[in-house]
C-alpha atoms as a PDB file:
ATOM      1  CA  UNK A   1      26.586  38.360  72.917  1.00  0.00           C
ATOM      2  CA  UNK A   2      25.969  34.686  72.222  1.00  0.00           C
ATOM      3  CA  UNK A   3      28.567  31.984  72.373  1.00  0.00           C
ATOM      4  CA  UNK A   4      29.431  30.705  68.882  1.00  0.00           C
ATOM      5  CA  UNK A   5      29.334  27.087  70.062  1.00  0.00           C
ATOM      6  CA  UNK A   6      25.814  27.535  71.417  1.00  0.00           C
ATOM      7  CA  UNK A   7      24.616  29.130  68.176  1.00  0.00           C
ATOM      8  CA  UNK A   8      26.243  26.338  66.167  1.00  0.00           C
ATOM      9  CA  UNK A   9      24.679  23.651  68.382  1.00  0.00           C
ATOM     10  CA  UNK A  10      21.168  25.042  68.044  1.00  0.00           C
ATOM     11  CA  UNK A  11      21.589  25.603  64.303  1.00  0.00           C
ATOM     12  CA  UNK A  12      22.521  21.944  63.873  1.00  0.00           C
ATOM     13  CA  UNK A  13      19.574  21.027  66.132  1.00  0.00           C
ATOM     14  CA  UNK A  14      17.223  23.049  63.954  1.00  0.00           C
ATOM     15  CA  UNK A  15      18.606  21.520  60.772  1.00  0.00           C
ATOM     16  CA  UNK A  16      18.265  18.018  62.209  1.00  0.00           C
ATOM     17  CA  UNK A  17      14.674  18.831  63.124  1.00  0.00           C
ATOM     18  CA  UNK A  18      13.917  19.979  59.591  1.00  0.00           C
ATOM     19  CA  UNK A  19      15.680  16.920  58.166  1.00  0.00           C
ATOM     20  CA  UNK A  20      13.812  14.583  60.518  1.00  0.00           C
ATOM     21  CA  UNK A  21      10.401  16.006  59.661  1.00  0.00           C
ATOM     22  CA  UNK A  22      11.185  16.035  55.920  1.00  0.00           C
ATOM     23  CA  UNK A  23      12.306  12.408  55.978  1.00  0.00           C
ATOM     24  CA  UNK A  24       9.234  11.492  58.006  1.00  0.00           C
ATOM     25  CA  UNK A  25       6.991  13.082  55.387  1.00  0.00           C
ATOM     26  CA  UNK A  26       8.721  11.438  52.441  1.00  0.00           C
ATOM     27  CA  UNK A  27       9.480   7.992  53.866  1.00  0.00           C
ATOM     28  CA  UNK A  28       6.399   7.110  55.926  1.00  0.00           C
ATOM     29  CA  UNK A  29       6.159   3.560  54.690  1.00  0.00           C
ATOM     30  CA  UNK A  30       6.381   1.352  57.755  1.00  0.00           C
ATOM     31  CA  UNK A  31       6.572   1.721  61.518  1.00  0.00           C
ATOM     32  CA  UNK A  32      10.136   0.363  61.488  1.00  0.00           C
ATOM     33  CA  UNK A  33      11.258   3.185  59.213  1.00  0.00           C
ATOM     34  CA  UNK A  34       9.539   5.751  61.412  1.00  0.00           C
ATOM     35  CA  UNK A  35      11.334   4.342  64.471  1.00  0.00           C
ATOM     36  CA  UNK A  36      14.680   4.413  62.656  1.00  0.00           C
ATOM     37  CA  UNK A  37      14.174   8.002  61.525  1.00  0.00           C
ATOM     38  CA  UNK A  38      13.072   9.045  64.993  1.00  0.00           C
ATOM     39  CA  UNK A  39      16.169   7.483  66.593  1.00  0.00           C
ATOM     40  CA  UNK A  40      18.407   9.128  63.988  1.00  0.00           C
ATOM     41  CA  UNK A  41      16.727  12.449  64.715  1.00  0.00           C
ATOM     42  CA  UNK A  42      17.098  11.909  68.480  1.00  0.00           C
ATOM     43  CA  UNK A  43      20.832  11.226  68.183  1.00  0.00           C
ATOM     44  CA  UNK A  44      21.428  14.288  66.011  1.00  0.00           C
ATOM     45  CA  UNK A  45      19.420  16.556  68.271  1.00  0.00           C
ATOM     46  CA  UNK A  46      21.019  15.408  71.518  1.00  0.00           C
ATOM     47  CA  UNK A  47      24.518  15.576  70.074  1.00  0.00           C
ATOM     48  CA  UNK A  48      23.897  19.107  68.858  1.00  0.00           C
ATOM     49  CA  UNK A  49      22.330  20.246  72.111  1.00  0.00           C
ATOM     50  CA  UNK A  50      19.072  21.198  70.408  1.00  0.00           C
ATOM     51  CA  UNK A  51      16.794  19.624  73.020  1.00  0.00           C
ATOM     52  CA  UNK A  52      14.006  22.140  72.370  1.00  0.00           C
ATOM     53  CA  UNK A  53      14.039  21.338  68.671  1.00  0.00           C
ATOM     54  CA  UNK A  54      14.078  17.641  69.468  1.00  0.00           C
ATOM     55  CA  UNK A  55      10.952  17.969  71.619  1.00  0.00           C
ATOM     56  CA  UNK A  56       9.085  20.089  69.082  1.00  0.00           C
ATOM     57  CA  UNK A  57      10.152  17.879  66.182  1.00  0.00           C
ATOM     58  CA  UNK A  58       9.299  14.718  68.115  1.00  0.00           C
ATOM     59  CA  UNK A  59       5.779  15.961  68.807  1.00  0.00           C
ATOM     60  CA  UNK A  60       5.401  16.824  65.124  1.00  0.00           C
ATOM     61  CA  UNK A  61       6.725  13.412  64.033  1.00  0.00           C
ATOM     62  CA  UNK A  62       4.218  11.609  66.271  1.00  0.00           C
ATOM     63  CA  UNK A  63       1.337  13.792  65.020  1.00  0.00           C
ATOM     64  CA  UNK A  64       2.255  13.056  61.403  1.00  0.00           C
ATOM     65  CA  UNK A  65       2.545   9.343  62.196  1.00  0.00           C
ATOM     66  CA  UNK A  66      -0.886   9.294  63.881  1.00  0.00           C
ATOM     67  CA  UNK A  67      -2.441  11.155  60.954  1.00  0.00           C
ATOM     68  CA  UNK A  68      -0.848   8.745  58.465  1.00  0.00           C
ATOM     69  CA  UNK A  69      -2.078   5.671  60.375  1.00  0.00           C
ATOM     70  CA  UNK A  70      -5.621   7.080  60.682  1.00  0.00           C
ATOM     71  CA  UNK A  71      -5.657   7.767  56.949  1.00  0.00           C
ATOM     72  CA  UNK A  72      -4.494   4.225  56.194  1.00  0.00           C
ATOM     73  CA  UNK A  73      -7.201   2.764  58.482  1.00  0.00           C
ATOM     74  CA  UNK A  74      -9.898   4.865  56.809  1.00  0.00           C
ATOM     75  CA  UNK A  75      -8.714   3.876  53.330  1.00  0.00           C
ATOM     76  CA  UNK A  76      -8.583   0.179  54.148  1.00  0.00           C
ATOM     77  CA  UNK A  77     -11.945   0.129  55.914  1.00  0.00           C
ATOM     78  CA  UNK A  78     -13.617   1.998  53.075  1.00  0.00           C
ATOM     79  CA  UNK A  79     -12.487  -0.378  50.366  1.00  0.00           C
ATOM     80  CA  UNK A  80     -12.315  -3.816  51.978  1.00  0.00           C
ATOM     81  CA  UNK A  81     -15.530  -3.770  53.988  1.00  0.00           C
ATOM     82  CA  UNK A  82     -17.718  -1.901  51.542  1.00  0.00           C
ATOM     83  CA  UNK A  83     -20.109  -3.624  49.150  1.00  0.00           C
ATOM     84  CA  UNK A  84     -18.676  -4.774  45.862  1.00  0.00           C
ATOM     85  CA  UNK A  85     -20.741  -3.872  42.813  1.00  0.00           C
ATOM     86  CA  UNK A  86     -20.490  -6.192  39.878  1.00  0.00           C
ATOM     87  CA  UNK A  87     -22.174  -5.593  36.617  1.00  0.00           C
ATOM     88  CA  UNK A  88     -22.921  -8.567  34.411  1.00  0.00           C
ATOM     89  CA  UNK A  89     -24.100  -8.533  30.855  1.00  0.00           C
ATOM     90  CA  UNK A  90     -27.048 -10.628  29.774  1.00  0.00           C
ATOM     91  CA  UNK A  91     -25.990 -14.189  29.053  1.00  0.00           C
ATOM     92  CA  UNK A  92     -23.004 -14.276  31.455  1.00  0.00           C
END
């Protein structure tokens, strides 16, 4: 019913999508690493013919990246701009 090459291509596309999203989750350290992972994922997906998986995975990668950057901004603004409480003992 289906061509074996087509099934193989989309299976590799799906696996590259899973690998790309897993690596994005575990290695979100810097924007350069995200770009490198995204390019690696793009090459694997296009070579395998899994364009649909590339599009879905790419959208997911960008959503995760946006969420990660928003979280980092919230963390940094909450700690660096907030008031610093210092407690001193009598006589200091």
